[in-house]
């Protein structure tokens, strides 16, 4: 059960090219703790994830909604243009914070991306 995660936390880097996705194994306690603490501490500006399977996608949704206290939202046209990690078709969630707190989840499992990375 894996996620391909791109994350901007604390502050935006100087260029978009600096953001590289990493594979997070949701069966690894350290990876789970890292994502839970990121939501719980409110350090996420933007996070985008693609799941290996529906189980991984649902796992992240539950963390975003529970620990992150996120709500599902519809982005404005301006937000779609300005947010760095958003892709058309993503589910969008937002934590109750002044700036940032955006989570974008591709709702379609992407198993091929994970077989390519192994």
Protein backbone atom coordinates (compact mmCIF):
# COMPACT_ATOMS: atom_id res chain seq x y z
CA UNK A 1 0.00 0.00 0.00
CA UNK A 2 2.03 2.92 -1.33
CA UNK A 3 1.55 6.59 -2.13
CA UNK A 4 3.56 8.76 -4.49
CA UNK A 5 3.68 12.04 -2.54
CA UNK A 6 4.76 15.54 -3.51
CA UNK A 7 4.74 17.92 -0.56
CA UNK A 8 5.45 21.57 0.11
CA UNK A 9 5.73 22.19 3.83
CA UNK A 10 6.63 25.25 5.89
CA UNK A 11 7.40 27.48 2.88
CA UNK A 12 7.48 27.40 -0.90
CA UNK A 13 10.85 26.57 -2.50
CA UNK A 14 12.41 29.04 -4.93
CA UNK A 15 11.36 26.98 -7.99
CA UNK A 16 8.73 24.37 -8.79
CA UNK A 17 11.43 22.08 -10.16
CA UNK A 18 12.69 21.46 -6.63
CA UNK A 19 9.58 19.43 -5.75
CA UNK A 20 10.18 15.75 -6.46
CA UNK A 21 7.64 13.08 -5.49
CA UNK A 22 8.71 10.29 -3.16
CA UNK A 23 7.20 6.89 -2.49
CA UNK A 24 5.69 6.49 0.97
CA UNK A 25 4.89 2.98 2.12
CA UNK A 26 1.78 3.13 4.31
CA UNK A 27 2.78 -0.16 5.93
CA UNK A 28 5.97 1.48 7.25
CA UNK A 29 5.28 3.04 10.67
CA UNK A 30 7.84 5.81 10.07
CA UNK A 31 6.12 6.90 6.86
CA UNK A 32 2.69 6.79 8.52
CA UNK A 33 3.98 8.78 11.50
CA UNK A 34 5.53 11.35 9.16
CA UNK A 35 2.31 11.99 7.29
CA UNK A 36 0.18 12.03 10.46
CA UNK A 37 2.54 14.51 12.14
CA UNK A 38 2.60 16.71 9.03
CA UNK A 39 -1.19 16.98 9.16
CA UNK A 40 -1.39 17.20 12.94
CA UNK A 41 1.21 19.98 13.15
CA UNK A 42 -0.33 21.94 10.28
CA UNK A 43 2.89 22.27 8.29
CA UNK A 44 1.50 21.29 4.88
CA UNK A 45 1.12 24.09 2.37
CA UNK A 46 0.34 21.71 -0.50
CA UNK A 47 0.41 17.93 -0.75
CA UNK A 48 -0.42 15.86 -3.82
CA UNK A 49 -0.66 12.10 -3.77
CA UNK A 50 -1.30 9.24 -6.13
CA UNK A 51 -2.06 5.81 -4.76
CA UNK A 52 -0.93 2.40 -5.83
CA UNK A 53 -4.46 1.14 -5.19
CA UNK A 54 -7.82 2.25 -3.82
CA UNK A 55 -6.79 1.16 -0.32
CA UNK A 56 -3.84 3.58 -0.29
CA UNK A 57 -6.01 6.42 -1.62
CA UNK A 58 -8.67 5.81 1.04
CA UNK A 59 -5.98 5.63 3.74
CA UNK A 60 -4.78 9.15 2.86
CA UNK A 61 -8.34 10.48 2.65
CA UNK A 62 -8.99 9.24 6.20
CA UNK A 63 -5.83 10.90 7.53
CA UNK A 64 -6.63 14.19 5.76
CA UNK A 65 -10.20 14.20 7.08
CA UNK A 66 -9.48 13.02 10.63
CA UNK A 67 -6.02 14.10 11.77
CA UNK A 68 -5.89 16.99 9.30
CA UNK A 69 -9.49 18.08 9.97
CA UNK A 70 -9.66 18.82 6.25
CA UNK A 71 -12.86 19.39 4.35
CA UNK A 72 -13.46 18.55 0.70
CA UNK A 73 -13.59 21.72 -1.39
CA UNK A 74 -13.99 22.94 -4.95
CA UNK A 75 -11.11 25.15 -6.03
CA UNK A 76 -11.71 28.52 -7.64
CA UNK A 77 -10.21 29.20 -11.08
CA UNK A 78 -7.65 31.44 -9.41
CA UNK A 79 -6.63 28.71 -6.95
CA UNK A 80 -6.29 26.20 -9.80
CA UNK A 81 -3.89 28.55 -11.56
CA UNK A 82 -1.88 29.56 -8.49
CA UNK A 83 -1.47 26.30 -6.59
CA UNK A 84 1.69 24.45 -7.55
CA UNK A 85 0.69 20.79 -7.11
CA UNK A 86 -2.92 20.73 -8.31
CA UNK A 87 -3.73 18.59 -11.38
CA UNK A 88 -7.06 18.63 -13.20
CA UNK A 89 -9.29 15.87 -11.85
CA UNK A 90 -7.73 15.78 -8.37
CA UNK A 91 -9.92 15.61 -5.30
CA UNK A 92 -9.23 18.72 -3.22
CA UNK A 93 -9.21 19.03 0.57
CA UNK A 94 -8.25 21.94 2.80
CA UNK A 95 -7.23 22.16 6.42
CA UNK A 96 -8.76 24.97 8.50
CA UNK A 97 -5.76 27.30 8.46
CA UNK A 98 -5.09 30.79 7.17
CA UNK A 99 -2.64 29.82 4.41
CA UNK A 100 -1.99 26.52 2.73
CA UNK A 101 -3.32 23.25 4.04
CA UNK A 102 -4.22 21.96 0.57
CA UNK A 103 -4.32 18.24 -0.21
CA UNK A 104 -4.79 16.98 -3.76
CA UNK A 105 -5.52 13.31 -4.35
CA UNK A 106 -5.71 11.63 -7.71
CA UNK A 107 -8.83 9.49 -7.21
CA UNK A 108 -7.71 6.91 -9.78
CA UNK A 109 -5.22 4.25 -8.62
CA UNK A 110 -1.90 4.37 -10.50
CA UNK A 111 -0.34 0.90 -10.09
CA UNK A 112 1.94 1.30 -13.13
CA UNK A 113 3.78 4.21 -11.50
CA UNK A 114 4.75 1.94 -8.63
CA UNK A 115 5.84 -1.02 -10.74
CA UNK A 116 8.11 1.39 -12.67
CA UNK A 117 9.74 2.66 -9.46
CA UNK A 118 10.74 -0.77 -8.16
